[in-house]
Amino acid sequence: MTKKEREKICYNCDHCIYIGEGDYICDADYEPKIVMEDHEPNDNYYWCAGTEWEEE
């Protein structure tokens, strides 16, 4: 895995938006997905496998 590939995570993506109380959503899909709860990744974390990743 290259350094660039390691950086492609939800937390570093423009689509990952903090919504409060430790929760983050991903707005890359038509319907936003909760990807982190209480600052911890959930089952939707990195759901796009980097295909929708956008750099800040």
N, C-alpha and C. Protein backbone atom coordinates (compact mmCIF):
# COMPACT_ATOMS: atom_id res chain seq x y z
N MET A 1 0.84 -1.18 0.00
CA MET A 1 0.00 0.00 0.00
C MET A 1 0.89 1.25 0.00
N THR A 2 0.61 2.16 -0.90
CA THR A 2 1.40 3.38 -0.98
C THR A 2 0.93 4.39 0.06
N LYS A 3 1.75 5.41 0.28
CA LYS A 3 1.39 6.45 1.25
C LYS A 3 0.08 7.13 0.84
N LYS A 4 -0.08 7.40 -0.45
CA LYS A 4 -1.30 8.05 -0.93
C LYS A 4 -2.54 7.19 -0.65
N GLU A 5 -2.44 5.89 -0.85
CA GLU A 5 -3.56 4.99 -0.59
C GLU A 5 -3.91 4.97 0.90
N ARG A 6 -2.91 5.05 1.76
CA ARG A 6 -3.18 5.05 3.20
C ARG A 6 -3.93 6.32 3.61
N GLU A 7 -3.71 7.41 2.91
CA GLU A 7 -4.36 8.67 3.24
C GLU A 7 -5.82 8.71 2.80
N LYS A 8 -6.22 7.82 1.92
CA LYS A 8 -7.61 7.80 1.44
C LYS A 8 -8.49 7.09 2.45
N ILE A 9 -8.85 7.81 3.49
CA ILE A 9 -9.76 7.30 4.50
C ILE A 9 -10.87 8.32 4.68
N CYS A 10 -11.96 7.90 5.24
CA CYS A 10 -13.11 8.80 5.41
C CYS A 10 -12.73 10.09 6.13
N TYR A 11 -11.97 9.97 7.18
CA TYR A 11 -11.65 11.13 8.01
C TYR A 11 -10.92 12.21 7.23
N ASN A 12 -10.18 11.85 6.19
CA ASN A 12 -9.43 12.81 5.38
C ASN A 12 -10.16 13.23 4.11
N CYS A 13 -11.39 12.87 3.94
CA CYS A 13 -12.13 13.13 2.71
C CYS A 13 -13.09 14.32 2.88
N ASP A 14 -13.22 15.12 1.84
CA ASP A 14 -14.15 16.25 1.86
C ASP A 14 -15.60 15.82 2.04
N HIS A 15 -15.91 14.61 1.66
CA HIS A 15 -17.28 14.12 1.79
C HIS A 15 -17.64 13.75 3.23
N CYS A 16 -16.65 13.62 4.10
CA CYS A 16 -16.88 13.27 5.50
C CYS A 16 -17.17 14.55 6.29
N ILE A 17 -18.37 14.64 6.83
CA ILE A 17 -18.83 15.86 7.49
C ILE A 17 -19.22 15.56 8.93
N TYR A 18 -18.64 16.34 9.85
CA TYR A 18 -18.97 16.19 11.27
C TYR A 18 -20.36 16.78 11.50
N ILE A 19 -21.24 16.00 12.15
CA ILE A 19 -22.61 16.48 12.39
C ILE A 19 -22.90 16.65 13.88
N GLY A 20 -21.89 16.44 14.71
CA GLY A 20 -22.06 16.65 16.15
C GLY A 20 -22.10 15.37 16.94
N GLU A 21 -21.82 15.49 18.23
CA GLU A 21 -21.84 14.38 19.18
C GLU A 21 -20.99 13.19 18.73
N GLY A 22 -19.90 13.47 18.01
CA GLY A 22 -18.98 12.42 17.59
C GLY A 22 -19.40 11.68 16.34
N ASP A 23 -20.44 12.14 15.67
CA ASP A 23 -20.94 11.47 14.47
C ASP A 23 -20.51 12.20 13.20
N TYR A 24 -20.22 11.42 12.17
CA TYR A 24 -19.81 11.95 10.86
C TYR A 24 -20.66 11.28 9.79
N ILE A 25 -21.00 12.04 8.76
CA ILE A 25 -21.70 11.46 7.62
C ILE A 25 -20.83 11.57 6.38
N CYS A 26 -21.13 10.76 5.38
CA CYS A 26 -20.52 10.85 4.07
C CYS A 26 -21.62 11.30 3.12
N ASP A 27 -21.39 12.42 2.42
CA ASP A 27 -22.40 12.92 1.50
C ASP A 27 -22.07 12.63 0.04
N ALA A 28 -21.21 11.66 -0.23
CA ALA A 28 -20.82 11.31 -1.59
C ALA A 28 -21.93 10.58 -2.34
N ASP A 29 -22.82 9.94 -1.63
CA ASP A 29 -23.92 9.20 -2.23
C ASP A 29 -25.17 10.06 -2.22
N TYR A 30 -26.17 9.69 -2.99
CA TYR A 30 -27.43 10.43 -3.03
C TYR A 30 -28.04 10.56 -1.63
N GLU A 31 -27.99 9.47 -0.88
CA GLU A 31 -28.46 9.47 0.50
C GLU A 31 -27.24 9.43 1.42
N PRO A 32 -27.02 10.46 2.24
CA PRO A 32 -25.85 10.46 3.14
C PRO A 32 -25.83 9.23 4.06
N LYS A 33 -24.63 8.74 4.34
CA LYS A 33 -24.45 7.58 5.22
C LYS A 33 -23.68 8.03 6.46
N ILE A 34 -24.09 7.53 7.61
CA ILE A 34 -23.32 7.76 8.82
C ILE A 34 -22.13 6.80 8.77
N VAL A 35 -20.91 7.37 8.82
CA VAL A 35 -19.71 6.54 8.70
C VAL A 35 -18.94 6.43 10.02
N MET A 36 -19.22 7.33 10.96
CA MET A 36 -18.58 7.26 12.27
C MET A 36 -19.59 7.67 13.34
N GLU A 37 -19.58 6.93 14.44
CA GLU A 37 -20.44 7.24 15.58
C GLU A 37 -19.56 7.32 16.82
N ASP A 38 -19.75 8.37 17.60
CA ASP A 38 -18.91 8.60 18.78
C ASP A 38 -17.42 8.56 18.43
N HIS A 39 -17.08 9.14 17.29
CA HIS A 39 -15.71 9.22 16.77
C HIS A 39 -15.11 7.86 16.43
N GLU A 40 -15.94 6.83 16.32
CA GLU A 40 -15.47 5.48 15.98
C GLU A 40 -16.09 5.05 14.65
N PRO A 41 -15.31 4.42 13.76
CA PRO A 41 -15.86 3.93 12.49
C PRO A 41 -16.97 2.91 12.73
N ASN A 42 -17.99 2.94 11.86
CA ASN A 42 -19.04 1.92 11.93
C ASN A 42 -19.00 1.08 10.65
N ASP A 43 -20.03 0.30 10.38
CA ASP A 43 -20.04 -0.59 9.22
C ASP A 43 -20.00 0.14 7.89
N ASN A 44 -20.42 1.39 7.84
CA ASN A 44 -20.40 2.17 6.59
C ASN A 44 -19.07 2.88 6.35
N TYR A 45 -18.17 2.83 7.33
CA TYR A 45 -16.90 3.53 7.19
C TYR A 45 -16.17 3.06 5.94
N TYR A 46 -15.75 4.02 5.13
CA TYR A 46 -15.00 3.76 3.90
C TYR A 46 -15.80 2.86 2.94
N TRP A 47 -17.10 3.08 2.90
CA TRP A 47 -18.00 2.27 2.07
C TRP A 47 -17.65 2.36 0.58
N CYS A 48 -17.09 3.50 0.16
CA CYS A 48 -16.79 3.67 -1.27
C CYS A 48 -15.44 3.07 -1.66
N ALA A 49 -14.68 2.62 -0.69
CA ALA A 49 -13.34 2.06 -0.93
C ALA A 49 -12.42 3.05 -1.64
N GLY A 50 -12.68 4.34 -1.43
CA GLY A 50 -11.82 5.37 -1.99
C GLY A 50 -12.24 5.89 -3.35
N THR A 51 -13.25 5.30 -3.97
CA THR A 51 -13.67 5.76 -5.29
C THR A 51 -14.29 7.14 -5.27
N GLU A 52 -14.85 7.54 -4.16
CA GLU A 52 -15.47 8.87 -4.04
C GLU A 52 -14.60 9.83 -3.21
N TRP A 53 -13.39 9.39 -2.85
CA TRP A 53 -12.53 10.17 -1.98
C TRP A 53 -12.13 11.48 -2.65
N GLU A 54 -12.25 12.58 -1.92
CA GLU A 54 -11.81 13.88 -2.41
C GLU A 54 -10.95 14.52 -1.34
N GLU A 55 -9.84 15.07 -1.80
CA GLU A 55 -8.89 15.71 -0.90
C GLU A 55 -9.40 17.07 -0.44
N GLU A 56 -9.14 17.37 0.81
CA GLU A 56 -9.54 18.67 1.37
C GLU A 56 -8.81 19.80 0.69
